[in-house]
Amino acid sequence: MRSKAPLALMEQMVMLLVFALASALCLQAFVKSDAISFKNGNRSKAALEAQNTAEAIQHCGGDLEHALAGAGELLGTVPKDGKIRISYDDDWAVTEKEGSFYLEAAGIPTDIPGLQKASVQVFDNNSMAGDDAKSGLLFAIEVAWIEEDINE
């Protein structure tokens, strides 16, 4: 009569393989959820920065140049070429050098007299793929206001 030990050993090896595969899948799920959580945290912070900038632009009002200049002063930056650009480091602190994230606010032309619009977008420099800026877009918002005529 033959020994059944090799059969039991084979069964234990198959069970070990199944548990190893299951643990690898669980670990992969946790890693993926951590990456998603990190990305959503950055998206949330980007939304906050974009909303603050949009509110500053709308608060300053007037024509587009005046609104961007006033908002830039409130936010601690100077608009260049008709745009506000603010860089942020990994912890979302404003930095002078090129950071991990950047916010860009620029005017949008309108056909309606007295209506002014601006677009505020926040990008992730770490996920930029080539020249396709849309791939790094974290959050975008448009803001509009009525330009009040001070002569009336």
Protein backbone atom coordinates (compact mmCIF):
# COMPACT_ATOMS: atom_id res chain seq x y z
CA MET A 1 0.00 0.00 0.00
CA ARG A 2 1.30 3.45 -0.92
CA SER A 3 1.66 6.34 1.51
CA LYS A 4 -0.84 9.21 1.25
CA ALA A 5 1.67 11.78 2.53
CA PRO A 6 2.55 13.22 -0.94
CA LEU A 7 -1.16 13.80 -1.61
CA ALA A 8 -1.62 15.69 1.67
CA LEU A 9 1.51 17.72 0.98
CA MET A 10 0.20 18.61 -2.49
CA GLU A 11 -3.15 19.70 -1.00
CA GLN A 12 -1.40 21.97 1.51
CA MET A 13 0.71 23.54 -1.23
CA VAL A 14 -2.41 24.29 -3.30
CA MET A 15 -4.08 25.86 -0.23
CA LEU A 16 -0.97 27.95 0.41
CA LEU A 17 -1.00 29.14 -3.21
CA VAL A 18 -4.70 30.10 -3.00
CA PHE A 19 -4.13 32.10 0.20
CA ALA A 20 -1.07 33.80 -1.31
CA LEU A 21 -3.11 34.88 -4.33
CA ALA A 22 -5.95 36.11 -2.11
CA SER A 23 -3.56 38.14 0.04
CA ALA A 24 -1.93 39.66 -3.06
CA LEU A 25 -5.33 40.76 -4.34
CA CYS A 26 -6.24 42.28 -0.96
CA LEU A 27 -2.93 44.13 -0.81
CA GLN A 28 -3.45 45.45 -4.34
CA ALA A 29 -6.93 46.70 -3.35
CA PHE A 30 -5.50 48.57 -0.36
CA VAL A 31 -2.76 50.17 -2.45
CA LYS A 32 -5.28 51.27 -5.10
CA SER A 33 -7.63 52.71 -2.47
CA ASP A 34 -4.74 54.67 -0.94
CA ALA A 35 -3.88 56.15 -4.35
CA ILE A 36 -7.52 57.09 -4.98
CA SER A 37 -7.76 58.68 -1.53
CA PHE A 38 -4.59 60.71 -2.15
CA LYS A 39 -5.87 61.92 -5.55
CA ASN A 40 -9.27 62.87 -4.12
CA GLY A 41 -7.57 64.75 -1.28
CA ASN A 42 -5.60 66.78 -3.81
CA ARG A 43 -8.76 67.38 -5.84
CA SER A 44 -10.52 68.66 -2.71
CA LYS A 45 -7.67 71.05 -1.91
CA ALA A 46 -7.60 72.19 -5.55
CA ALA A 47 -11.33 72.95 -5.38
CA LEU A 48 -10.82 75.03 -2.24
CA GLU A 49 -7.98 77.06 -3.80
CA ALA A 50 -9.94 77.58 -7.04
CA GLN A 51 -13.04 78.72 -5.16
CA ASN A 52 -11.00 81.15 -3.05
CA THR A 53 -9.43 82.62 -6.18
CA ALA A 54 -12.79 82.85 -7.98
CA GLU A 55 -14.31 84.65 -4.98
CA ALA A 56 -11.36 87.08 -4.86
CA ILE A 57 -11.76 87.87 -8.58
CA GLN A 58 -15.51 88.36 -8.23
CA HIS A 59 -15.05 90.49 -5.09
CA CYS A 60 -12.67 92.89 -6.86
CA GLY A 61 -15.05 93.27 -9.81
CA GLY A 62 -14.78 96.01 -12.38
CA ASP A 63 -13.18 95.27 -15.72
CA LEU A 64 -11.18 92.09 -16.17
CA GLU A 65 -7.78 93.71 -15.74
CA HIS A 66 -8.86 95.40 -12.49
CA ALA A 67 -10.41 92.19 -11.14
CA LEU A 68 -7.30 90.12 -11.84
CA ALA A 69 -4.99 92.80 -10.40
CA GLY A 70 -7.11 93.14 -7.25
CA ALA A 71 -7.38 89.38 -6.80
CA GLY A 72 -3.65 89.03 -7.34
CA GLU A 73 -3.03 91.58 -4.60
CA LEU A 74 -5.38 89.72 -2.23
CA LEU A 75 -3.71 86.41 -3.04
CA GLY A 76 -0.15 87.75 -2.83
CA THR A 77 0.79 87.53 -6.51
CA VAL A 78 1.04 89.79 -9.55
CA PRO A 79 -0.85 88.91 -12.75
CA LYS A 80 1.38 88.44 -15.79
CA ASP A 81 0.13 88.49 -19.38
CA GLY A 82 -3.46 88.85 -18.16
CA LYS A 83 -3.26 85.70 -16.01
CA ILE A 84 -2.86 84.85 -12.36
CA ARG A 85 -0.55 81.89 -11.77
CA ILE A 86 0.12 80.48 -8.30
CA SER A 87 2.37 77.47 -7.62
CA TYR A 88 1.89 75.11 -4.67
CA ASP A 89 4.20 72.51 -3.15
CA ASP A 90 3.20 68.97 -2.14
CA ASP A 91 1.53 70.25 1.05
CA TRP A 92 -0.45 72.95 -0.81
CA ALA A 93 1.66 75.81 0.53
CA VAL A 94 2.28 78.67 -1.91
CA THR A 95 5.79 78.55 -3.38
CA GLU A 96 7.74 80.89 -5.64
CA LYS A 97 9.38 78.10 -7.62
CA GLU A 98 7.63 75.56 -9.84
CA GLY A 99 5.67 73.35 -7.47
CA SER A 100 3.72 70.12 -7.65
CA PHE A 101 0.47 71.96 -8.38
CA TYR A 102 -0.40 75.27 -9.97
CA LEU A 103 -3.47 77.46 -10.29
CA GLU A 104 -4.13 79.56 -13.36
CA ALA A 105 -6.84 82.22 -13.69
CA ALA A 106 -7.52 84.03 -16.96
CA GLY A 107 -10.28 86.07 -18.51
CA ILE A 108 -12.88 84.65 -20.88
CA PRO A 109 -14.18 86.92 -23.66
CA THR A 110 -17.95 87.55 -23.69
CA ASP A 111 -20.29 89.08 -26.25
CA ILE A 112 -22.51 90.73 -23.63
CA PRO A 113 -21.50 94.30 -22.74
CA GLY A 114 -20.75 94.71 -19.04
CA LEU A 115 -20.50 90.97 -18.35
CA GLN A 116 -17.05 89.79 -17.33
CA LYS A 117 -15.98 86.16 -16.97
CA ALA A 118 -12.86 84.38 -15.79
CA SER A 119 -11.77 80.76 -15.68
CA VAL A 120 -9.86 79.34 -12.71
CA GLN A 121 -8.11 76.00 -13.21
CA VAL A 122 -5.86 73.95 -10.96
CA PHE A 123 -3.36 71.49 -12.47
CA ASP A 124 -1.19 68.69 -11.11
CA ASN A 125 2.36 68.94 -12.50
CA ASN A 126 3.09 65.36 -11.44
CA SER A 127 0.50 63.81 -13.76
CA MET A 128 1.16 65.92 -16.83
CA ALA A 129 1.53 63.74 -19.91
CA GLY A 130 3.34 65.56 -22.69
CA ASP A 131 1.61 68.71 -23.94
CA ASP A 132 -1.88 67.51 -22.99
CA ALA A 133 -2.67 69.88 -20.11
CA LYS A 134 -6.14 68.37 -19.66
CA SER A 135 -4.60 65.19 -18.25
CA GLY A 136 -3.29 67.11 -15.23
CA LEU A 137 -6.46 69.13 -14.61
CA LEU A 138 -7.66 68.68 -11.03
CA PHE A 139 -10.43 71.27 -10.83
CA ALA A 140 -11.89 74.08 -12.95
CA ILE A 141 -14.47 76.74 -12.22
CA GLU A 142 -15.79 79.79 -14.07
CA VAL A 143 -16.77 83.01 -12.37
CA ALA A 144 -18.87 85.86 -13.83
CA TRP A 145 -19.74 89.35 -12.62
CA ILE A 146 -21.36 92.52 -13.90
CA GLU A 147 -18.97 95.37 -14.55
CA GLU A 148 -20.48 98.38 -12.81
CA ASP A 149 -20.18 101.70 -14.60
CA ILE A 150 -18.79 104.19 -12.08
CA ASN A 151 -19.97 107.16 -14.20
CA GLU A 152 -23.65 106.42 -13.58
